[in-house]
Amino acid sequence: MTRQSKVGLALIFVLAGAVVLIGGSPAASQRQVRPPVVRPTTTRDRNPDEQAEDPYADIGVLVESFVIEIDLSALYEMGVSPLGQAPHAVSVENILECLKDPDTATVVTGAKAVGVHRSQQGRMRQSKTTYRAKTRVVNTSQGPRETVDYSPYENGQSFEVWPSFLSEDTIVLRYDFTYSGVRRERQSGGEAPPDSVSWSWNGSVSVTAGKPLIVGATQDEDIAVFLILTAHIVSRT
């Protein structure tokens, strides 16, 4: 082998070593590193013990309902707007003031029920029969004689409520209230049968615990009738 051939062969070895030092084979330099696959955590993958607990679970709420009947004249004397216009719309304070005089305001009926936050409905049902006496004169063999007849009048009410906490002292109440019965007697005289009435209110309202709130009302030419709800936090069941 000539000296020139030896030099050429040595140069080939040097170049081959340089390729190895620089980056290996072309195929190896073109490989791409695949990024790790991250699988998102779903609700199914979570430990049930890690689920956020409802801070109001199992807390009971006692809800009181009151139907109040008031002479409109008493409200007007207090400056209450007949159309409910602010700032003189009727308030709970106005009603409480009227109740101090039994001749102008009275509690027609009341009902209470206990529900549990988002899990248990509160319910109350009641019915009774009221008998009114009516005197009449009948002819007998011994002459005219007075007799007393008793006419039955049915009274009944139903109250249902579903409480749900928004905060420590704010509660949303879904409610359904119905009442049917005899209206309080007026000084009408005679023995005419009493007026029968029926009221029904339902809806959803946000209340502050311990503060009464007017949630329904109706009126005619003489009388206004209001439904008032008051919620009380009782305890864990």
Protein backbone atom coordinates (compact mmCIF):
# COMPACT_ATOMS: atom_id res chain seq x y z
CA MET A 1 0.00 0.00 0.00
CA THR A 2 1.37 3.36 -0.98
CA ARG A 3 1.83 6.23 1.43
CA GLN A 4 -0.99 8.17 -0.28
CA SER A 5 -3.41 5.29 0.24
CA LYS A 6 -2.51 5.09 3.90
CA VAL A 7 -3.20 8.81 4.35
CA GLY A 8 -6.59 8.50 2.64
CA LEU A 9 -7.61 5.57 4.79
CA ALA A 10 -6.67 7.42 7.98
CA LEU A 11 -8.74 10.42 6.88
CA ILE A 12 -11.82 8.19 6.43
CA PHE A 13 -11.46 6.85 9.99
CA VAL A 14 -11.18 10.36 11.38
CA LEU A 15 -14.33 11.55 9.58
CA ALA A 16 -16.30 8.51 10.75
CA GLY A 17 -15.34 9.18 14.35
CA ALA A 18 -16.38 12.80 13.98
CA VAL A 19 -19.88 11.73 12.84
CA VAL A 20 -20.23 9.50 15.90
CA LEU A 21 -19.12 12.29 18.26
CA ILE A 22 -21.35 14.93 16.72
CA GLY A 23 -24.73 13.18 16.84
CA GLY A 24 -24.71 9.52 16.07
CA SER A 25 -26.51 8.13 13.10
CA PRO A 26 -28.93 10.32 11.07
CA ALA A 27 -31.82 8.04 12.07
CA ALA A 28 -31.15 8.57 15.75
CA SER A 29 -30.99 12.35 15.36
CA GLN A 30 -34.46 12.42 13.76
CA ARG A 31 -36.29 10.61 16.62
CA GLN A 32 -38.84 12.79 18.48
CA VAL A 33 -39.49 12.50 22.20
CA ARG A 34 -43.25 11.91 22.80
CA PRO A 35 -44.67 14.11 25.61
CA PRO A 36 -46.28 12.24 28.55
CA VAL A 37 -50.07 11.86 28.35
CA VAL A 38 -51.87 13.49 31.28
CA ARG A 39 -55.36 12.09 31.88
CA PRO A 40 -57.72 14.69 33.47
CA THR A 41 -59.27 13.74 36.79
CA THR A 42 -63.02 13.21 36.57
CA THR A 43 -65.66 13.14 39.28
CA ARG A 44 -65.71 9.35 38.98
CA ASP A 45 -61.99 9.17 39.85
CA ARG A 46 -62.34 11.19 43.05
CA ASN A 47 -62.51 9.64 46.43
CA PRO A 48 -66.03 10.05 47.87
CA ASP A 49 -64.43 11.27 51.09
CA GLU A 50 -62.97 14.21 49.14
CA GLN A 51 -66.37 15.50 47.97
CA ALA A 52 -67.26 18.90 49.43
CA GLU A 53 -69.69 18.53 52.32
CA ASP A 54 -72.82 20.66 52.51
CA PRO A 55 -72.39 22.79 55.66
CA TYR A 56 -76.18 23.01 56.10
CA ALA A 57 -76.99 19.33 55.64
CA ASP A 58 -79.49 17.99 58.18
CA ILE A 59 -80.25 21.43 59.65
CA GLY A 60 -83.93 21.89 60.43
CA VAL A 61 -86.01 25.02 59.90
CA LEU A 62 -89.22 25.78 61.79
CA VAL A 63 -91.50 27.94 59.66
CA GLU A 64 -94.49 29.75 61.18
CA SER A 65 -97.33 31.05 59.02
CA PHE A 66 -99.95 33.56 60.11
CA VAL A 67 -103.04 34.89 58.37
CA ILE A 68 -103.90 38.40 59.58
CA GLU A 69 -107.15 40.21 58.80
CA ILE A 70 -107.13 44.03 59.14
CA ASP A 71 -109.63 46.80 58.53
CA LEU A 72 -108.37 48.93 55.66
CA SER A 73 -109.45 52.07 57.49
CA ALA A 74 -106.92 51.31 60.26
CA LEU A 75 -104.10 51.02 57.73
CA TYR A 76 -105.10 54.22 55.98
CA GLU A 77 -105.07 56.07 59.29
CA MET A 78 -101.44 55.02 59.64
CA GLY A 79 -100.61 56.58 56.28
CA VAL A 80 -100.33 53.32 54.36
CA SER A 81 -100.80 53.78 50.61
CA PRO A 82 -103.96 52.07 49.30
CA LEU A 83 -101.97 51.04 46.22
CA GLY A 84 -98.86 49.89 48.05
CA GLN A 85 -96.82 52.83 46.81
CA ALA A 86 -93.42 53.34 48.45
CA PRO A 87 -92.41 54.60 50.93
CA HIS A 88 -95.79 53.97 52.58
CA ALA A 89 -96.44 50.38 51.55
CA VAL A 90 -97.77 48.19 54.33
CA SER A 91 -95.08 46.65 56.53
CA VAL A 92 -94.89 44.03 59.26
CA GLU A 93 -94.52 46.88 61.75
CA ASN A 94 -97.84 48.36 60.55
CA ILE A 95 -99.55 45.00 61.02
CA LEU A 96 -98.12 44.55 64.51
CA GLU A 97 -99.38 48.00 65.46
CA CYS A 98 -102.88 47.19 64.19
CA LEU A 99 -102.95 43.92 66.17
CA LYS A 100 -102.82 45.94 69.38
CA ASP A 101 -106.49 46.78 68.74
CA PRO A 102 -108.59 43.58 68.44
CA ASP A 103 -111.45 45.58 66.92
CA THR A 104 -109.41 46.41 63.83
CA ALA A 105 -107.11 43.40 63.38
CA THR A 106 -107.02 39.74 64.30
CA VAL A 107 -105.04 36.57 63.63
CA VAL A 108 -107.42 34.41 61.61
CA THR A 109 -105.26 31.29 61.75
CA GLY A 110 -101.70 30.11 62.10
CA ALA A 111 -99.72 27.01 61.21
CA LYS A 112 -96.21 25.69 61.85
CA ALA A 113 -94.12 23.11 60.06
CA VAL A 114 -90.50 21.90 60.26
CA GLY A 115 -88.48 21.10 57.16
CA VAL A 116 -84.84 20.08 56.66
CA HIS A 117 -82.43 21.81 54.30
CA ARG A 118 -82.92 20.39 50.79
CA SER A 119 -83.98 16.99 52.06
CA GLN A 120 -87.25 17.05 53.97
CA GLN A 121 -90.53 18.84 53.39
CA GLY A 122 -92.43 20.35 56.31
CA ARG A 123 -96.17 19.69 56.28
CA MET A 124 -99.20 20.48 58.42
CA ARG A 125 -102.87 19.74 57.76
CA GLN A 126 -105.81 20.57 59.98
CA SER A 127 -109.58 20.49 59.72
CA LYS A 128 -112.45 21.12 62.10
CA THR A 129 -116.18 21.66 62.07
CA THR A 130 -117.77 24.76 63.61
CA TYR A 131 -121.44 24.71 64.57
CA ARG A 132 -123.51 27.88 64.56
CA ALA A 133 -126.79 28.08 66.46
CA LYS A 134 -129.94 29.32 64.76
CA THR A 135 -133.18 29.85 66.63
CA ARG A 136 -136.54 29.26 64.99
CA VAL A 137 -140.16 29.08 66.13
CA VAL A 138 -142.23 25.97 65.49
CA ASN A 139 -145.87 25.32 66.16
CA THR A 140 -146.66 22.49 68.53
CA SER A 141 -149.80 21.11 70.13
CA GLN A 142 -148.93 23.23 73.12
CA GLY A 143 -148.50 26.38 71.04
CA PRO A 144 -145.50 28.12 69.44
CA ARG A 145 -142.17 27.01 70.76
CA GLU A 146 -138.59 28.09 70.08
CA THR A 147 -136.06 25.51 68.96
CA VAL A 148 -132.39 25.82 68.19
CA ASP A 149 -130.81 24.31 65.10
CA TYR A 150 -127.05 23.95 64.63
CA SER A 151 -125.55 24.47 61.20
CA PRO A 152 -122.11 22.92 60.56
CA TYR A 153 -119.35 24.92 58.87
CA GLU A 154 -116.12 23.27 57.81
CA ASN A 155 -112.77 24.91 58.52
CA GLY A 156 -109.50 23.57 57.21
CA GLN A 157 -105.95 24.57 56.40
CA SER A 158 -102.86 23.08 54.83
CA PHE A 159 -99.29 24.32 55.02
CA GLU A 160 -96.27 22.86 53.22
CA VAL A 161 -92.75 24.27 53.11
CA TRP A 162 -89.38 23.29 51.62
CA PRO A 163 -86.38 25.16 53.13
CA SER A 164 -82.98 25.67 51.51
CA PHE A 165 -80.10 27.66 53.01
CA LEU A 166 -78.28 30.34 51.04
CA SER A 167 -76.12 31.43 53.97
CA GLU A 168 -76.01 31.09 57.74
CA ASP A 169 -79.10 33.27 58.21
CA THR A 170 -80.68 33.48 54.74
CA ILE A 171 -83.14 30.77 53.73
CA VAL A 172 -85.15 30.19 50.58
CA LEU A 173 -88.64 28.90 51.35
CA ARG A 174 -90.87 27.23 48.82
CA TYR A 175 -94.31 27.28 50.38
CA ASP A 176 -97.90 26.29 49.73
CA PHE A 177 -100.63 27.55 52.07
CA THR A 178 -104.42 27.10 51.79
CA TYR A 179 -107.24 27.96 54.14
CA SER A 180 -111.03 27.68 54.02
CA GLY A 181 -113.43 28.61 56.78
CA VAL A 182 -115.74 31.19 58.28
CA ARG A 183 -114.81 34.83 58.30
CA ARG A 184 -114.84 36.64 61.61
CA GLU A 185 -118.27 37.95 62.44
CA ARG A 186 -119.19 41.56 61.92
CA GLN A 187 -121.83 43.53 63.74
CA SER A 188 -124.40 42.73 61.10
CA GLY A 189 -127.14 41.60 63.47
CA GLY A 190 -129.81 39.05 62.61
CA GLU A 191 -129.18 35.39 62.08
CA ALA A 192 -127.79 35.46 58.60
CA PRO A 193 -125.21 32.74 57.97
CA PRO A 194 -121.58 33.89 58.30
CA ASP A 195 -119.45 34.54 55.26
CA SER A 196 -117.19 31.69 54.23
CA VAL A 197 -113.78 32.39 52.75
CA SER A 198 -110.91 30.50 51.18
CA TRP A 199 -107.37 31.66 50.52
CA SER A 200 -104.46 30.05 48.77
CA TRP A 201 -100.88 31.24 48.39
CA ASN A 202 -97.79 29.50 47.05
CA GLY A 203 -94.41 30.55 45.78
CA SER A 204 -90.75 30.90 46.69
CA VAL A 205 -89.21 33.63 48.83
CA SER A 206 -85.90 34.44 50.49
CA VAL A 207 -86.18 35.25 54.19
CA THR A 208 -83.83 36.20 57.01
CA ALA A 209 -84.02 33.83 59.97
CA GLY A 210 -86.11 35.28 62.79
CA LYS A 211 -87.57 38.14 60.71
CA PRO A 212 -91.26 37.94 59.70
CA LEU A 213 -92.04 38.72 56.08
CA ILE A 214 -95.29 39.44 54.21
CA VAL A 215 -95.45 36.90 51.37
CA GLY A 216 -99.10 37.15 50.27
CA ALA A 217 -102.13 39.42 50.56
CA THR A 218 -105.64 39.98 49.31
CA GLN A 219 -108.29 42.59 50.02
CA ASP A 220 -111.82 43.73 49.29
CA GLU A 221 -113.55 47.05 49.92
CA ASP A 222 -113.24 46.79 53.72
CA ILE A 223 -110.70 44.16 54.71
CA ALA A 224 -107.10 43.28 53.88
CA VAL A 225 -105.75 39.79 54.54
CA PHE A 226 -102.03 39.05 54.80
CA LEU A 227 -99.96 35.88 54.93
CA ILE A 228 -96.79 36.26 56.99
CA LEU A 229 -93.96 33.72 57.24
CA THR A 230 -91.22 33.56 59.87
CA ALA A 231 -88.35 31.03 59.72
CA HIS A 232 -86.33 29.83 62.70
CA ILE A 233 -83.20 27.67 62.57
CA VAL A 234 -83.79 24.87 65.06
CA SER A 235 -80.97 22.31 65.11
CA ARG A 236 -79.42 19.40 63.32
CA THR A 237 -81.78 16.47 63.08
